[in-house]
Amino acid sequence: MLETGRYGTIDEIAAAEKINDSYVSRVLRLTLLAPDIVEAILDGRQPEGMTLPGLLKGGERWSGRGSACASSRHRRGFLPASQPL
């Protein structure tokens, strides 16, 4: 919607869809998830405890998990063992 120019702002999307602009903002942040996480979610292999409400909250809950998350990805098969953390 934003890419095609149909809507220029989050407020315009929210008004057109009749939903809260803050919800639109949270949903749009999901487009920034790492591709391996998106693929895992679509395959039903997301890490235990990863939920849509948790992802929508964003902020501190999911930030700063770089190496811990990468390590978890290795254990859960998201990354090949040869890929460095």
C-alpha atoms as a PDB file:
ATOM      1  CA  MET A   1       0.000   0.000   0.000  1.00  0.00           C
ATOM      2  CA  LEU A   2       2.796   2.397   0.863  1.00  0.00           C
ATOM      3  CA  GLU A   3       5.111   1.053  -1.849  1.00  0.00           C
ATOM      4  CA  THR A   4       2.554   1.469  -4.615  1.00  0.00           C
ATOM      5  CA  GLY A   5       1.715   4.990  -3.507  1.00  0.00           C
ATOM      6  CA  ARG A   6      -1.916   4.135  -2.837  1.00  0.00           C
ATOM      7  CA  TYR A   7      -1.493   5.571   0.653  1.00  0.00           C
ATOM      8  CA  GLY A   8       1.189   8.022   1.667  1.00  0.00           C
ATOM      9  CA  THR A   9       1.062   7.652   5.431  1.00  0.00           C
ATOM     10  CA  ILE A  10       0.246   5.223   8.204  1.00  0.00           C
ATOM     11  CA  ASP A  11      -2.686   7.465   9.135  1.00  0.00           C
ATOM     12  CA  GLU A  12      -4.130   7.067   5.623  1.00  0.00           C
ATOM     13  CA  ILE A  13      -3.831   3.279   5.797  1.00  0.00           C
ATOM     14  CA  ALA A  14      -5.470   3.220   9.227  1.00  0.00           C
ATOM     15  CA  ALA A  15      -8.353   5.405   8.061  1.00  0.00           C
ATOM     16  CA  ALA A  16      -8.912   3.328   4.913  1.00  0.00           C
ATOM     17  CA  GLU A  17      -8.845   0.049   6.842  1.00  0.00           C
ATOM     18  CA  LYS A  18     -10.800   1.489   9.783  1.00  0.00           C
ATOM     19  CA  ILE A  19      -8.179   0.439  12.318  1.00  0.00           C
ATOM     20  CA  ASN A  20      -6.006   2.236  14.845  1.00  0.00           C
ATOM     21  CA  ASP A  21      -2.880   3.937  13.456  1.00  0.00           C
ATOM     22  CA  SER A  22      -0.777   2.552  16.305  1.00  0.00           C
ATOM     23  CA  TYR A  23      -1.815  -0.999  15.309  1.00  0.00           C
ATOM     24  CA  VAL A  24      -0.823  -0.304  11.698  1.00  0.00           C
ATOM     25  CA  SER A  25       2.577   0.891  12.944  1.00  0.00           C
ATOM     26  CA  ARG A  26       3.099  -2.284  14.976  1.00  0.00           C
ATOM     27  CA  VAL A  27       2.079  -4.523  12.075  1.00  0.00           C
ATOM     28  CA  LEU A  28       4.386  -2.666   9.684  1.00  0.00           C
ATOM     29  CA  ARG A  29       7.309  -3.383  12.013  1.00  0.00           C
ATOM     30  CA  LEU A  30       6.789  -7.084  11.294  1.00  0.00           C
ATOM     31  CA  THR A  31       8.124  -6.407   7.784  1.00  0.00           C
ATOM     32  CA  LEU A  32      11.518  -5.811   9.417  1.00  0.00           C
ATOM     33  CA  LEU A  33      11.849  -9.336  10.824  1.00  0.00           C
ATOM     34  CA  ALA A  34      14.887 -11.253   9.611  1.00  0.00           C
ATOM     35  CA  PRO A  35      14.059 -13.437   6.602  1.00  0.00           C
ATOM     36  CA  ASP A  36      15.032 -16.633   8.446  1.00  0.00           C
ATOM     37  CA  ILE A  37      12.565 -15.802  11.236  1.00  0.00           C
ATOM     38  CA  VAL A  38       9.769 -15.125   8.714  1.00  0.00           C
ATOM     39  CA  GLU A  39      10.540 -18.414   6.962  1.00  0.00           C
ATOM     40  CA  ALA A  40      10.567 -20.294  10.269  1.00  0.00           C
ATOM     41  CA  ILE A  41       7.214 -18.782  11.271  1.00  0.00           C
ATOM     42  CA  LEU A  42       5.673 -19.704   7.916  1.00  0.00           C
ATOM     43  CA  ASP A  43       7.039 -23.248   8.305  1.00  0.00           C
ATOM     44  CA  GLY A  44       5.802 -23.471  11.911  1.00  0.00           C
ATOM     45  CA  ARG A  45       9.375 -23.665  13.261  1.00  0.00           C
ATOM     46  CA  GLN A  46       9.461 -20.388  15.216  1.00  0.00           C
ATOM     47  CA  PRO A  47      11.252 -20.392  18.566  1.00  0.00           C
ATOM     48  CA  GLU A  48       9.160 -21.486  21.518  1.00  0.00           C
ATOM     49  CA  GLY A  49       7.494 -18.468  23.087  1.00  0.00           C
ATOM     50  CA  MET A  50       7.568 -16.376  19.905  1.00  0.00           C
ATOM     51  CA  THR A  51       4.016 -15.143  19.481  1.00  0.00           C
ATOM     52  CA  LEU A  52       2.294 -12.515  17.371  1.00  0.00           C
ATOM     53  CA  PRO A  53       1.371 -10.437  20.441  1.00  0.00           C
ATOM     54  CA  GLY A  54       5.006 -10.599  21.568  1.00  0.00           C
ATOM     55  CA  LEU A  55       6.267  -9.538  18.160  1.00  0.00           C
ATOM     56  CA  LEU A  56       3.728  -6.721  17.967  1.00  0.00           C
ATOM     57  CA  LYS A  57       4.919  -5.376  21.314  1.00  0.00           C
ATOM     58  CA  GLY A  58       8.438  -5.068  19.914  1.00  0.00           C
ATOM     59  CA  GLY A  59      10.681  -2.753  21.898  1.00  0.00           C
ATOM     60  CA  GLU A  60      12.870  -4.169  24.639  1.00  0.00           C
ATOM     61  CA  ARG A  61      11.335  -7.612  24.598  1.00  0.00           C
ATOM     62  CA  TRP A  62      12.952  -8.578  21.277  1.00  0.00           C
ATOM     63  CA  SER A  63      15.777  -6.070  20.935  1.00  0.00           C
ATOM     64  CA  GLY A  64      19.318  -6.832  21.984  1.00  0.00           C
ATOM     65  CA  ARG A  65      18.910 -10.555  21.408  1.00  0.00           C
ATOM     66  CA  GLY A  66      21.407 -10.689  18.556  1.00  0.00           C
ATOM     67  CA  SER A  67      23.888 -13.331  19.624  1.00  0.00           C
ATOM     68  CA  ALA A  68      21.451 -15.112  21.942  1.00  0.00           C
ATOM     69  CA  CYS A  69      18.899 -15.258  19.154  1.00  0.00           C
ATOM     70  CA  ALA A  70      21.537 -16.356  16.626  1.00  0.00           C
ATOM     71  CA  SER A  71      22.680 -19.081  19.017  1.00  0.00           C
ATOM     72  CA  SER A  72      19.070 -20.176  19.421  1.00  0.00           C
ATOM     73  CA  ARG A  73      18.695 -20.195  15.640  1.00  0.00           C
ATOM     74  CA  HIS A  74      21.648 -22.594  15.360  1.00  0.00           C
ATOM     75  CA  ARG A  75      20.169 -24.933  17.982  1.00  0.00           C
ATOM     76  CA  ARG A  76      16.745 -24.863  16.368  1.00  0.00           C
ATOM     77  CA  GLY A  77      18.057 -25.391  12.851  1.00  0.00           C
ATOM     78  CA  PHE A  78      17.350 -21.895  11.522  1.00  0.00           C
ATOM     79  CA  LEU A  79      20.983 -21.362  10.525  1.00  0.00           C
ATOM     80  CA  PRO A  80      23.417 -23.869   9.104  1.00  0.00           C
ATOM     81  CA  ALA A  81      26.026 -24.980  11.620  1.00  0.00           C
ATOM     82  CA  SER A  82      28.760 -23.592   9.378  1.00  0.00           C
ATOM     83  CA  GLN A  83      27.340 -20.053   9.505  1.00  0.00           C
ATOM     84  CA  PRO A  84      29.134 -17.945  12.117  1.00  0.00           C
ATOM     85  CA  LEU A  85      27.249 -16.387  14.992  1.00  0.00           C
END
